[in-house]
Protein backbone atom coordinates (compact mmCIF):
# COMPACT_ATOMS: atom_id res chain seq x y z
CA UNK A 1 -10.52 -9.93 70.99
CA UNK A 2 -8.29 -12.61 71.81
CA UNK A 3 -9.60 -14.43 68.57
CA UNK A 4 -8.70 -11.47 66.41
CA UNK A 5 -4.91 -11.42 67.73
CA UNK A 6 -4.76 -15.28 66.96
CA UNK A 7 -5.61 -15.36 63.43
CA UNK A 8 -2.54 -15.16 61.57
CA UNK A 9 -2.02 -12.49 58.96
CA UNK A 10 -0.69 -13.51 55.91
CA UNK A 11 1.92 -11.22 54.44
CA UNK A 12 2.80 -11.25 50.79
CA UNK A 13 6.45 -11.05 50.05
CA UNK A 14 7.94 -7.95 49.21
CA UNK A 15 9.48 -9.46 45.58
CA UNK A 16 6.10 -10.09 44.34
CA UNK A 17 4.89 -6.54 43.88
CA UNK A 18 7.53 -5.61 41.18
CA UNK A 19 6.70 -8.74 39.23
CA UNK A 20 3.02 -8.15 39.34
CA UNK A 21 3.78 -4.76 38.01
CA UNK A 22 5.55 -5.45 35.47
CA UNK A 23 3.46 -8.11 34.09
CA UNK A 24 0.65 -5.62 34.45
CA UNK A 25 2.60 -3.55 31.82
CA UNK A 26 3.88 -6.32 29.61
CA UNK A 27 -0.23 -7.39 29.26
CA UNK A 28 -0.84 -3.64 28.74
CA UNK A 29 1.52 -3.18 25.96
CA UNK A 30 0.51 -6.51 24.47
CA UNK A 31 -3.07 -5.73 24.30
CA UNK A 32 -1.97 -2.10 23.18
CA UNK A 33 -0.37 -3.33 20.12
CA UNK A 34 -3.09 -5.83 19.14
CA UNK A 35 -5.59 -3.06 19.37
CA UNK A 36 -3.04 -1.38 16.99
CA UNK A 37 -2.95 -4.12 14.60
CA UNK A 38 -6.46 -4.94 14.71
CA UNK A 39 -7.31 -1.01 14.10
CA UNK A 40 -4.72 -0.73 11.44
CA UNK A 41 -6.46 -3.92 9.30
CA UNK A 42 -8.33 -1.76 6.94
CA UNK A 43 -5.71 1.11 6.50
CA UNK A 44 -4.81 2.53 3.33
CA UNK A 45 -1.17 3.93 2.27
CA UNK A 46 -0.79 7.24 3.28
CA UNK A 47 -2.50 6.51 6.65
CA UNK A 48 -1.19 6.74 9.95
CA UNK A 49 -1.76 3.21 10.87
CA UNK A 50 -0.34 1.72 7.52
CA UNK A 51 2.92 1.60 8.62
CA UNK A 52 1.75 -0.68 11.80
CA UNK A 53 0.09 -3.08 9.10
CA UNK A 54 3.01 -3.32 7.54
CA UNK A 55 5.24 -4.00 10.41
CA UNK A 56 2.93 -6.72 11.76
CA UNK A 57 3.02 -8.37 8.18
CA UNK A 58 6.33 -8.55 8.37
CA UNK A 59 6.78 -9.77 11.96
CA UNK A 60 4.31 -12.39 11.18
CA UNK A 61 6.09 -13.51 8.02
CA UNK A 62 9.61 -13.57 10.69
CA UNK A 63 7.95 -15.53 13.54
CA UNK A 64 5.76 -18.14 10.68
CA UNK A 65 7.68 -21.63 9.80
CA UNK A 66 8.69 -21.42 6.45
CA UNK A 67 5.86 -24.38 5.48
CA UNK A 68 3.05 -21.93 6.57
CA UNK A 69 4.32 -18.58 4.80
CA UNK A 70 2.47 -19.35 2.11
CA UNK A 71 -0.71 -18.52 3.70
CA UNK A 72 0.75 -15.18 4.96
CA UNK A 73 1.84 -14.25 1.39
CA UNK A 74 -1.39 -15.00 0.14
CA UNK A 75 -3.14 -12.79 2.64
CA UNK A 76 -0.92 -10.29 1.67
CA UNK A 77 -1.31 -10.23 -1.71
CA UNK A 78 -5.23 -9.93 -1.37
CA UNK A 79 -4.80 -7.37 1.06
CA UNK A 80 -2.35 -5.48 -1.90
CA UNK A 81 -5.08 -5.71 -4.33
CA UNK A 82 -7.80 -4.49 -2.27
CA UNK A 83 -5.85 -1.68 -0.94
CA UNK A 84 -4.89 -0.69 -4.79
CA UNK A 85 -8.74 -1.27 -5.82
CA UNK A 86 -10.15 0.77 -2.63
CA UNK A 87 -7.62 3.67 -3.36
CA UNK A 88 -8.58 3.78 -7.01
CA UNK A 89 -11.85 4.03 -6.35
CA UNK A 90 -11.75 7.19 -4.38
CA UNK A 91 -12.67 10.60 -6.05
CA UNK A 92 -8.99 11.72 -5.25
CA UNK A 93 -5.48 10.67 -3.85
CA UNK A 94 -3.82 12.94 -1.87
CA UNK A 95 -0.44 11.62 -3.02
CA UNK A 96 -0.26 9.54 -6.08
CA UNK A 97 3.34 8.14 -5.37
CA UNK A 98 1.56 5.87 -2.55
CA UNK A 99 -0.50 4.07 -5.17
CA UNK A 100 2.43 3.84 -7.46
CA UNK A 101 4.44 2.24 -4.62
CA UNK A 102 1.38 -0.04 -3.80
CA UNK A 103 1.36 -1.32 -7.45
CA UNK A 104 5.18 -2.14 -7.42
CA UNK A 105 4.67 -4.17 -4.21
CA UNK A 106 1.88 -5.76 -5.56
CA UNK A 107 3.81 -6.93 -8.55
CA UNK A 108 6.63 -7.88 -6.19
CA UNK A 109 4.34 -9.65 -3.88
CA UNK A 110 3.02 -11.78 -6.88
CA UNK A 111 6.31 -12.73 -8.09
CA UNK A 112 7.62 -13.89 -4.75
CA UNK A 113 4.33 -16.09 -4.56
CA UNK A 114 4.94 -17.25 -7.93
CA UNK A 115 8.66 -18.17 -7.62
CA UNK A 116 7.90 -19.85 -4.20
CA UNK A 117 4.92 -21.87 -5.98
CA UNK A 118 2.07 -20.92 -3.55
CA UNK A 119 -0.31 -20.52 -6.35
CA UNK A 120 -1.69 -23.03 -8.57
CA UNK A 121 -2.23 -22.17 -12.27
CA UNK A 122 -5.88 -21.01 -12.29
CA UNK A 123 -4.78 -18.92 -8.90
CA UNK A 124 -1.88 -17.47 -10.64
CA UNK A 125 -3.96 -16.54 -13.86
CA UNK A 126 -6.86 -15.14 -11.79
CA UNK A 127 -4.59 -13.18 -9.65
CA UNK A 128 -2.54 -11.80 -12.56
CA UNK A 129 -5.90 -11.17 -14.65
CA UNK A 130 -7.03 -9.02 -11.34
CA UNK A 131 -3.50 -7.02 -11.28
CA UNK A 132 -3.62 -6.46 -14.72
CA UNK A 133 -7.10 -4.56 -14.12
CA UNK A 134 -5.76 -2.74 -11.65
CA UNK A 135 -2.76 -1.35 -13.31
CA UNK A 136 -5.06 -0.40 -16.41
CA UNK A 137 -7.76 1.43 -14.01
CA UNK A 138 -4.40 3.45 -12.74
CA UNK A 139 -3.90 4.24 -16.30
CA UNK A 140 -6.99 5.02 -17.41
CA UNK A 141 -7.86 7.32 -14.25
CA UNK A 142 -4.34 9.12 -13.99
CA UNK A 143 -4.04 9.59 -17.77
CA UNK A 144 -0.50 8.33 -18.43
CA UNK A 145 -1.26 7.72 -22.19
CA UNK A 146 1.16 10.75 -23.06
CA UNK A 147 3.30 10.44 -26.72
CA UNK A 148 0.51 7.25 -27.03
CA UNK A 149 2.15 5.17 -24.62
CA UNK A 150 -0.12 2.01 -23.16
CA UNK A 151 0.65 2.52 -19.81
CA UNK A 152 2.15 4.23 -16.86
CA UNK A 153 5.45 1.93 -16.70
CA UNK A 154 6.03 2.56 -20.37
CA UNK A 155 5.55 6.36 -19.55
CA UNK A 156 7.88 6.15 -16.86
CA UNK A 157 10.60 4.62 -18.73
CA UNK A 158 10.42 7.21 -21.60
CA UNK A 159 10.10 10.16 -18.95
CA UNK A 160 13.42 8.92 -17.50
CA UNK A 161 14.95 8.46 -21.21
CA UNK A 162 13.71 12.16 -22.03
CA UNK A 163 15.25 13.34 -18.59
CA UNK A 164 18.81 11.62 -19.49
CA UNK A 165 18.62 12.97 -22.62
CA UNK A 166 17.83 16.51 -21.42
CA UNK A 167 20.72 16.21 -18.96
CA UNK A 168 23.19 15.35 -21.41
CA UNK A 169 21.94 18.04 -23.60
CA UNK A 170 22.37 20.65 -20.96
CA UNK A 171 25.80 19.59 -20.04
CA UNK A 172 26.68 19.48 -23.82
CA UNK A 173 25.60 22.95 -23.79
CA UNK A 174 27.45 23.83 -20.46
CA UNK A 175 30.60 22.43 -21.87
CA UNK A 176 30.10 24.91 -25.09
CA UNK A 177 29.51 27.58 -23.15
CA UNK A 178 32.62 27.15 -20.97
CA UNK A 179 34.70 26.52 -24.03
CA UNK A 180 33.26 29.47 -25.62
CA UNK A 181 34.14 31.75 -22.41
CA UNK A 182 37.75 30.35 -22.58
CA UNK A 183 37.94 31.12 -26.17
CA UNK A 184 36.66 34.99 -25.03
CA UNK A 185 39.11 35.51 -22.51
CA UNK A 186 42.09 33.97 -24.24
CA UNK A 187 41.55 36.14 -27.25
CA UNK A 188 41.22 39.22 -25.86
CA UNK A 189 43.50 38.58 -22.71
CA UNK A 190 41.25 38.60 -19.89
CA UNK A 191 42.62 35.01 -18.66
CA UNK A 192 42.50 35.52 -15.10
CA UNK A 193 42.28 31.71 -14.07
């Protein structure tokens, strides 16, 4: 009994407990975020984890030194091409706008890589051909050849012009109707304005 009492008991300082708890929470959050990023790596536009994937790419670009950004942008470009190809292979897309945005983003990312000279001539031509193929597949699958337009983008421009013309025509008709009503009111003495 005497020996037990003589053995010194090691006491932990009280300030260590909150630090240990904090570190455990930080480690848990980091691993959870890393798990979400890993799980989102194969996600497509419109899926729940896709924003996590895009956010992690943006964070990666932000923290990567400029001289190493080319690797990240090329990886993003390949990722966008794979996503577009995968979506085009699906029998049905729930929201076509996701695919349209993806193709626009593909163009934007390619332009960024091209302007920053991350691509050599051969890579640039190969990627450009892949992007053209993706756009052609999109046009074939979703039948955007109304009025003999070659692709979705020409059709989109034509639709915008038609919409503008239609709005202008509607405004003109509304103004004529309003003027006719005013003439009627003036002519027959019903000017209540």
